[in-house]
Amino acid sequence: MYNSLFTGPRACPGKQLGEMEMFIFAVSLLQKFEFKSVIPPDELDTEGLQTGVTLVPAPYKVQVKCRQR
């Protein structure tokens, strides 16, 4: 399958910047907050729900706490 948005002369010029911004945002959340699942690990559904062409993750309950400095 040919995807003209990510390769060749027609590649999106902001793709790399957008990926870098998303990485920095995710890392800053992980540095500032502690994420813990409310559901025990054995009971987590890791399969996801398939709808159409994409996979939609199952809803999860997560406890978020500020990290101590």
PDB file of N, CA and C in Angstrom:
ATOM      1  N   MET A   1       0.853  -1.183   0.000  1.00  0.00           N
ATOM      2  CA  MET A   1       0.000   0.000   0.000  1.00  0.00           C
ATOM      3  C   MET A   1       0.893   1.239   0.000  1.00  0.00           C
ATOM      4  N   TYR A   2       0.636   2.164  -0.886  1.00  0.00           N
ATOM      5  CA  TYR A   2       1.428   3.386  -0.995  1.00  0.00           C
ATOM      6  C   TYR A   2       0.782   4.495  -0.170  1.00  0.00           C
ATOM      7  N   ASN A   3       1.560   5.096   0.694  1.00  0.00           N
ATOM      8  CA  ASN A   3       1.062   6.186   1.520  1.00  0.00           C
ATOM      9  C   ASN A   3       1.903   7.427   1.231  1.00  0.00           C
ATOM     10  N   SER A   4       1.346   8.358   0.492  1.00  0.00           N
ATOM     11  CA  SER A   4       2.108   9.527   0.062  1.00  0.00           C
ATOM     12  C   SER A   4       2.342  10.564   1.157  1.00  0.00           C
ATOM     13  N   LEU A   5       1.669  10.446   2.298  1.00  0.00           N
ATOM     14  CA  LEU A   5       1.831  11.463   3.342  1.00  0.00           C
ATOM     15  C   LEU A   5       3.110  11.292   4.160  1.00  0.00           C
ATOM     16  N   PHE A   6       3.667  10.090   4.182  1.00  0.00           N
ATOM     17  CA  PHE A   6       4.786   9.833   5.081  1.00  0.00           C
ATOM     18  C   PHE A   6       6.107   9.555   4.388  1.00  0.00           C
ATOM     19  N   THR A   7       6.117   9.453   3.073  1.00  0.00           N
ATOM     20  CA  THR A   7       7.356   9.141   2.360  1.00  0.00           C
ATOM     21  C   THR A   7       7.474   9.985   1.103  1.00  0.00           C
ATOM     22  N   GLY A   8       8.682  10.046   0.590  1.00  0.00           N
ATOM     23  CA  GLY A   8       8.919  10.708  -0.688  1.00  0.00           C
ATOM     24  C   GLY A   8       8.854  12.218  -0.611  1.00  0.00           C
ATOM     25  N   PRO A   9       8.811  12.870  -1.781  1.00  0.00           N
ATOM     26  CA  PRO A   9       8.836  14.333  -1.835  1.00  0.00           C
ATOM     27  C   PRO A   9       7.574  14.984  -1.274  1.00  0.00           C
ATOM     28  N   ARG A  10       6.509  14.215  -1.114  1.00  0.00           N
ATOM     29  CA  ARG A  10       5.261  14.777  -0.585  1.00  0.00           C
ATOM     30  C   ARG A  10       5.061  14.468   0.893  1.00  0.00           C
ATOM     31  N   ALA A  11       6.109  14.112   1.574  1.00  0.00           N
ATOM     32  CA  ALA A  11       6.015  13.793   3.000  1.00  0.00           C
ATOM     33  C   ALA A  11       5.580  15.031   3.785  1.00  0.00           C
ATOM     34  N   CYS A  12       4.840  14.815   4.827  1.00  0.00           N
ATOM     35  CA  CYS A  12       4.370  15.914   5.669  1.00  0.00           C
ATOM     36  C   CYS A  12       5.569  16.536   6.387  1.00  0.00           C
ATOM     37  N   PRO A  13       5.824  17.830   6.189  1.00  0.00           N
ATOM     38  CA  PRO A  13       6.997  18.452   6.811  1.00  0.00           C
ATOM     39  C   PRO A  13       6.898  18.545   8.340  1.00  0.00           C
ATOM     40  N   GLY A  14       5.698  18.526   8.896  1.00  0.00           N
ATOM     41  CA  GLY A  14       5.544  18.650  10.338  1.00  0.00           C
ATOM     42  C   GLY A  14       5.428  17.332  11.073  1.00  0.00           C
ATOM     43  N   LYS A  15       5.538  16.204  10.347  1.00  0.00           N
ATOM     44  CA  LYS A  15       5.365  14.895  10.978  1.00  0.00           C
ATOM     45  C   LYS A  15       6.388  14.664  12.082  1.00  0.00           C
ATOM     46  N   GLN A  16       7.646  14.903  11.809  1.00  0.00           N
ATOM     47  CA  GLN A  16       8.696  14.669  12.804  1.00  0.00           C
ATOM     48  C   GLN A  16       8.530  15.602  14.004  1.00  0.00           C
ATOM     49  N   LEU A  17       8.186  16.855  13.760  1.00  0.00           N
ATOM     50  CA  LEU A  17       7.958  17.806  14.851  1.00  0.00           C
ATOM     51  C   LEU A  17       6.761  17.376  15.703  1.00  0.00           C
ATOM     52  N   GLY A  18       5.691  16.928  15.055  1.00  0.00           N
ATOM     53  CA  GLY A  18       4.511  16.476  15.784  1.00  0.00           C
ATOM     54  C   GLY A  18       4.804  15.258  16.645  1.00  0.00           C
ATOM     55  N   GLU A  19       5.574  14.303  16.101  1.00  0.00           N
ATOM     56  CA  GLU A  19       5.947  13.119  16.875  1.00  0.00           C
ATOM     57  C   GLU A  19       6.810  13.497  18.072  1.00  0.00           C
ATOM     58  N   MET A  20       7.723  14.428  17.876  1.00  0.00           N
ATOM     59  CA  MET A  20       8.586  14.872  18.960  1.00  0.00           C
ATOM     60  C   MET A  20       7.776  15.580  20.052  1.00  0.00           C
ATOM     61  N   GLU A  21       6.812  16.410  19.653  1.00  0.00           N
ATOM     62  CA  GLU A  21       5.957  17.105  20.616  1.00  0.00           C
ATOM     63  C   GLU A  21       5.132  16.110  21.431  1.00  0.00           C
ATOM     64  N   MET A  22       4.590  15.087  20.777  1.00  0.00           N
ATOM     65  CA  MET A  22       3.802  14.079  21.478  1.00  0.00           C
ATOM     66  C   MET A  22       4.673  13.304  22.473  1.00  0.00           C
ATOM     67  N   PHE A  23       5.901  12.997  22.088  1.00  0.00           N
ATOM     68  CA  PHE A  23       6.828  12.294  22.975  1.00  0.00           C
ATOM     69  C   PHE A  23       7.134  13.147  24.204  1.00  0.00           C
ATOM     70  N   ILE A  24       7.435  14.417  24.000  1.00  0.00           N
ATOM     71  CA  ILE A  24       7.760  15.316  25.111  1.00  0.00           C
ATOM     72  C   ILE A  24       6.554  15.472  26.040  1.00  0.00           C
ATOM     73  N   PHE A  25       5.352  15.564  25.471  1.00  0.00           N
ATOM     74  CA  PHE A  25       4.132  15.679  26.272  1.00  0.00           C
ATOM     75  C   PHE A  25       3.927  14.422  27.118  1.00  0.00           C
ATOM     76  N   ALA A  26       4.083  13.236  26.507  1.00  0.00           N
ATOM     77  CA  ALA A  26       3.897  11.977  27.235  1.00  0.00           C
ATOM     78  C   ALA A  26       4.933  11.825  28.346  1.00  0.00           C
ATOM     79  N   VAL A  27       6.183  12.169  28.061  1.00  0.00           N
ATOM     80  CA  VAL A  27       7.243  12.057  29.062  1.00  0.00           C
ATOM     81  C   VAL A  27       6.993  13.022  30.213  1.00  0.00           C
ATOM     82  N   SER A  28       6.519  14.231  29.917  1.00  0.00           N
ATOM     83  CA  SER A  28       6.262  15.197  30.995  1.00  0.00           C
ATOM     84  C   SER A  28       5.124  14.713  31.898  1.00  0.00           C
ATOM     85  N   LEU A  29       4.111  14.045  31.322  1.00  0.00           N
ATOM     86  CA  LEU A  29       3.048  13.476  32.158  1.00  0.00           C
ATOM     87  C   LEU A  29       3.597  12.377  33.055  1.00  0.00           C
ATOM     88  N   LEU A  30       4.451  11.511  32.496  1.00  0.00           N
ATOM     89  CA  LEU A  30       5.020  10.419  33.284  1.00  0.00           C
ATOM     90  C   LEU A  30       5.955  10.923  34.376  1.00  0.00           C
ATOM     91  N   GLN A  31       6.618  12.059  34.146  1.00  0.00           N
ATOM     92  CA  GLN A  31       7.510  12.626  35.152  1.00  0.00           C
ATOM     93  C   GLN A  31       6.733  13.285  36.291  1.00  0.00           C
ATOM     94  N   LYS A  32       5.603  13.895  35.976  1.00  0.00           N
ATOM     95  CA  LYS A  32       4.859  14.667  36.980  1.00  0.00           C
ATOM     96  C   LYS A  32       3.810  13.855  37.725  1.00  0.00           C
ATOM     97  N   PHE A  33       3.344  12.764  37.120  1.00  0.00           N
ATOM     98  CA  PHE A  33       2.252  11.998  37.715  1.00  0.00           C
ATOM     99  C   PHE A  33       2.601  10.515  37.800  1.00  0.00           C
ATOM    100  N   GLU A  34       1.968   9.838  38.750  1.00  0.00           N
ATOM    101  CA  GLU A  34       2.105   8.393  38.899  1.00  0.00           C
ATOM    102  C   GLU A  34       0.770   7.778  38.484  1.00  0.00           C
ATOM    103  N   PHE A  35       0.804   6.852  37.539  1.00  0.00           N
ATOM    104  CA  PHE A  35      -0.402   6.217  37.026  1.00  0.00           C
ATOM    105  C   PHE A  35      -0.489   4.800  37.567  1.00  0.00           C
ATOM    106  N   LYS A  36      -1.665   4.454  38.117  1.00  0.00           N
ATOM    107  CA  LYS A  36      -1.863   3.127  38.688  1.00  0.00           C
ATOM    108  C   LYS A  36      -3.240   2.621  38.277  1.00  0.00           C
ATOM    109  N   SER A  37      -3.300   1.375  37.836  1.00  0.00           N
ATOM    110  CA  SER A  37      -4.564   0.775  37.444  1.00  0.00           C
ATOM    111  C   SER A  37      -5.385   0.455  38.679  1.00  0.00           C
ATOM    112  N   VAL A  38      -6.682   0.721  38.612  1.00  0.00           N
ATOM    113  CA  VAL A  38      -7.586   0.409  39.709  1.00  0.00           C
ATOM    114  C   VAL A  38      -7.964  -1.075  39.662  1.00  0.00           C
ATOM    115  N   ILE A  39      -7.959  -1.645  38.454  1.00  0.00           N
ATOM    116  CA  ILE A  39      -8.312  -3.049  38.254  1.00  0.00           C
ATOM    117  C   ILE A  39      -7.048  -3.903  38.410  1.00  0.00           C
ATOM    118  N   PRO A  40      -7.131  -5.056  39.064  1.00  0.00           N
ATOM    119  CA  PRO A  40      -5.964  -5.943  39.179  1.00  0.00           C
ATOM    120  C   PRO A  40      -5.450  -6.372  37.786  1.00  0.00           C
ATOM    121  N   PRO A  41      -4.146  -6.551  37.625  1.00  0.00           N
ATOM    122  CA  PRO A  41      -3.568  -6.874  36.315  1.00  0.00           C
ATOM    123  C   PRO A  41      -4.159  -8.116  35.645  1.00  0.00           C
ATOM    124  N   ASP A  42      -4.586  -9.128  36.442  1.00  0.00           N
ATOM    125  CA  ASP A  42      -5.130 -10.353  35.833  1.00  0.00           C
ATOM    126  C   ASP A  42      -6.472 -10.091  35.145  1.00  0.00           C
ATOM    127  N   GLU A  43      -7.191  -9.071  35.580  1.00  0.00           N
ATOM    128  CA  GLU A  43      -8.529  -8.803  35.056  1.00  0.00           C
ATOM    129  C   GLU A  43      -8.546  -7.786  33.909  1.00  0.00           C
ATOM    130  N   LEU A  44      -7.379  -7.241  33.517  1.00  0.00           N
ATOM    131  CA  LEU A  44      -7.337  -6.257  32.443  1.00  0.00           C
ATOM    132  C   LEU A  44      -7.608  -6.919  31.097  1.00  0.00           C
ATOM    133  N   ASP A  45      -8.437  -6.278  30.279  1.00  0.00           N
ATOM    134  CA  ASP A  45      -8.713  -6.755  28.932  1.00  0.00           C
ATOM    135  C   ASP A  45      -7.739  -6.076  27.977  1.00  0.00           C
ATOM    136  N   THR A  46      -6.779  -6.828  27.455  1.00  0.00           N
ATOM    137  CA  THR A  46      -5.775  -6.250  26.559  1.00  0.00           C
ATOM    138  C   THR A  46      -6.083  -6.507  25.093  1.00  0.00           C
ATOM    139  N   GLU A  47      -7.220  -7.097  24.799  1.00  0.00           N
ATOM    140  CA  GLU A  47      -7.585  -7.412  23.420  1.00  0.00           C
ATOM    141  C   GLU A  47      -8.079  -6.185  22.659  1.00  0.00           C
ATOM    142  N   GLY A  48      -8.834  -5.325  23.300  1.00  0.00           N
ATOM    143  CA  GLY A  48      -9.394  -4.164  22.624  1.00  0.00           C
ATOM    144  C   GLY A  48     -10.677  -4.540  21.906  1.00  0.00           C
ATOM    145  N   LEU A  49     -11.416  -3.552  21.480  1.00  0.00           N
ATOM    146  CA  LEU A  49     -12.663  -3.777  20.767  1.00  0.00           C
ATOM    147  C   LEU A  49     -12.465  -3.402  19.313  1.00  0.00           C
ATOM    148  N   GLN A  50     -12.767  -4.310  18.411  1.00  0.00           N
ATOM    149  CA  GLN A  50     -12.572  -4.014  16.999  1.00  0.00           C
ATOM    150  C   GLN A  50     -13.863  -3.460  16.422  1.00  0.00           C
ATOM    151  N   THR A  51     -13.773  -2.269  15.859  1.00  0.00           N
ATOM    152  CA  THR A  51     -14.926  -1.668  15.194  1.00  0.00           C
ATOM    153  C   THR A  51     -14.481  -1.162  13.838  1.00  0.00           C
ATOM    154  N   GLY A  52     -14.941  -1.773  12.786  1.00  0.00           N
ATOM    155  CA  GLY A  52     -14.568  -1.338  11.444  1.00  0.00           C
ATOM    156  C   GLY A  52     -13.113  -1.635  11.144  1.00  0.00           C
ATOM    157  N   VAL A  53     -12.382  -0.639  10.702  1.00  0.00           N
ATOM    158  CA  VAL A  53     -11.000  -0.805  10.283  1.00  0.00           C
ATOM    159  C   VAL A  53     -10.022  -0.613  11.442  1.00  0.00           C
ATOM    160  N   THR A  54     -10.408   0.147  12.457  1.00  0.00           N
ATOM    161  CA  THR A  54      -9.498   0.464  13.559  1.00  0.00           C
ATOM    162  C   THR A  54      -9.845  -0.302  14.815  1.00  0.00           C
ATOM    163  N   LEU A  55      -8.904  -0.334  15.748  1.00  0.00           N
ATOM    164  CA  LEU A  55      -9.134  -0.938  17.058  1.00  0.00           C
ATOM    165  C   LEU A  55      -9.405   0.168  18.065  1.00  0.00           C
ATOM    166  N   VAL A  56     -10.439  -0.006  18.841  1.00  0.00           N
ATOM    167  CA  VAL A  56     -10.780   0.949  19.890  1.00  0.00           C
ATOM    168  C   VAL A  56     -10.462   0.283  21.218  1.00  0.00           C
ATOM    169  N   PRO A  57      -9.604   0.882  22.052  1.00  0.00           N
ATOM    170  CA  PRO A  57      -9.268   0.244  23.322  1.00  0.00           C
ATOM    171  C   PRO A  57     -10.454   0.211  24.269  1.00  0.00           C
ATOM    172  N   ALA A  58     -10.468  -0.792  25.114  1.00  0.00           N
ATOM    173  CA  ALA A  58     -11.510  -0.898  26.126  1.00  0.00           C
ATOM    174  C   ALA A  58     -11.306   0.214  27.151  1.00  0.00           C
ATOM    175  N   PRO A  59     -12.377   0.712  27.770  1.00  0.00           N
ATOM    176  CA  PRO A  59     -12.215   1.758  28.785  1.00  0.00           C
ATOM    177  C   PRO A  59     -11.524   1.200  30.036  1.00  0.00           C
ATOM    178  N   TYR A  60     -10.602   1.977  30.581  1.00  0.00           N
ATOM    179  CA  TYR A  60      -9.866   1.582  31.780  1.00  0.00           C
ATOM    180  C   TYR A  60     -10.035   2.643  32.849  1.00  0.00           C
ATOM    181  N   LYS A  61     -10.043   2.211  34.088  1.00  0.00           N
ATOM    182  CA  LYS A  61     -10.048   3.149  35.210  1.00  0.00           C
ATOM    183  C   LYS A  61      -8.627   3.237  35.732  1.00  0.00           C
ATOM    184  N   VAL A  62      -8.121   4.456  35.827  1.00  0.00           N
ATOM    185  CA  VAL A  62      -6.740   4.691  36.242  1.00  0.00           C
ATOM    186  C   VAL A  62      -6.734   5.718  37.359  1.00  0.00           C
ATOM    187  N   GLN A  63      -5.910   5.461  38.359  1.00  0.00           N
ATOM    188  CA  GLN A  63      -5.725   6.402  39.459  1.00  0.00           C
ATOM    189  C   GLN A  63      -4.479   7.217  39.145  1.00  0.00           C
ATOM    190  N   VAL A  64      -4.594   8.540  39.219  1.00  0.00           N
ATOM    191  CA  VAL A  64      -3.482   9.436  38.894  1.00  0.00           C
ATOM    192  C   VAL A  64      -3.134  10.244  40.143  1.00  0.00           C
ATOM    193  N   LYS A  65      -1.864  10.192  40.541  1.00  0.00           N
ATOM    194  CA  LYS A  65      -1.395  10.957  41.698  1.00  0.00           C
ATOM    195  C   LYS A  65      -0.201  11.805  41.289  1.00  0.00           C
ATOM    196  N   CYS A  66      -0.104  12.987  41.908  1.00  0.00           N
ATOM    197  CA  CYS A  66       1.073  13.827  41.689  1.00  0.00           C
ATOM    198  C   CYS A  66       2.272  13.165  42.340  1.00  0.00           C
ATOM    199  N   ARG A  67       3.401  13.211  41.656  1.00  0.00           N
ATOM    200  CA  ARG A  67       4.635  12.652  42.237  1.00  0.00           C
ATOM    201  C   ARG A  67       5.176  13.621  43.273  1.00  0.00           C
ATOM    202  N   GLN A  68       5.789  13.085  44.303  1.00  0.00           N
ATOM    203  CA  GLN A  68       6.405  13.904  45.337  1.00  0.00           C
ATOM    204  C   GLN A  68       7.718  14.477  44.805  1.00  0.00           C
ATOM    205  N   ARG A  69       7.992  15.717  45.117  1.00  0.00           N
ATOM    206  CA  ARG A  69       9.240  16.329  44.645  1.00  0.00           C
ATOM    207  C   ARG A  69      10.258  16.342  45.724  1.00  0.00           C
TER     208      ARG A  69
END
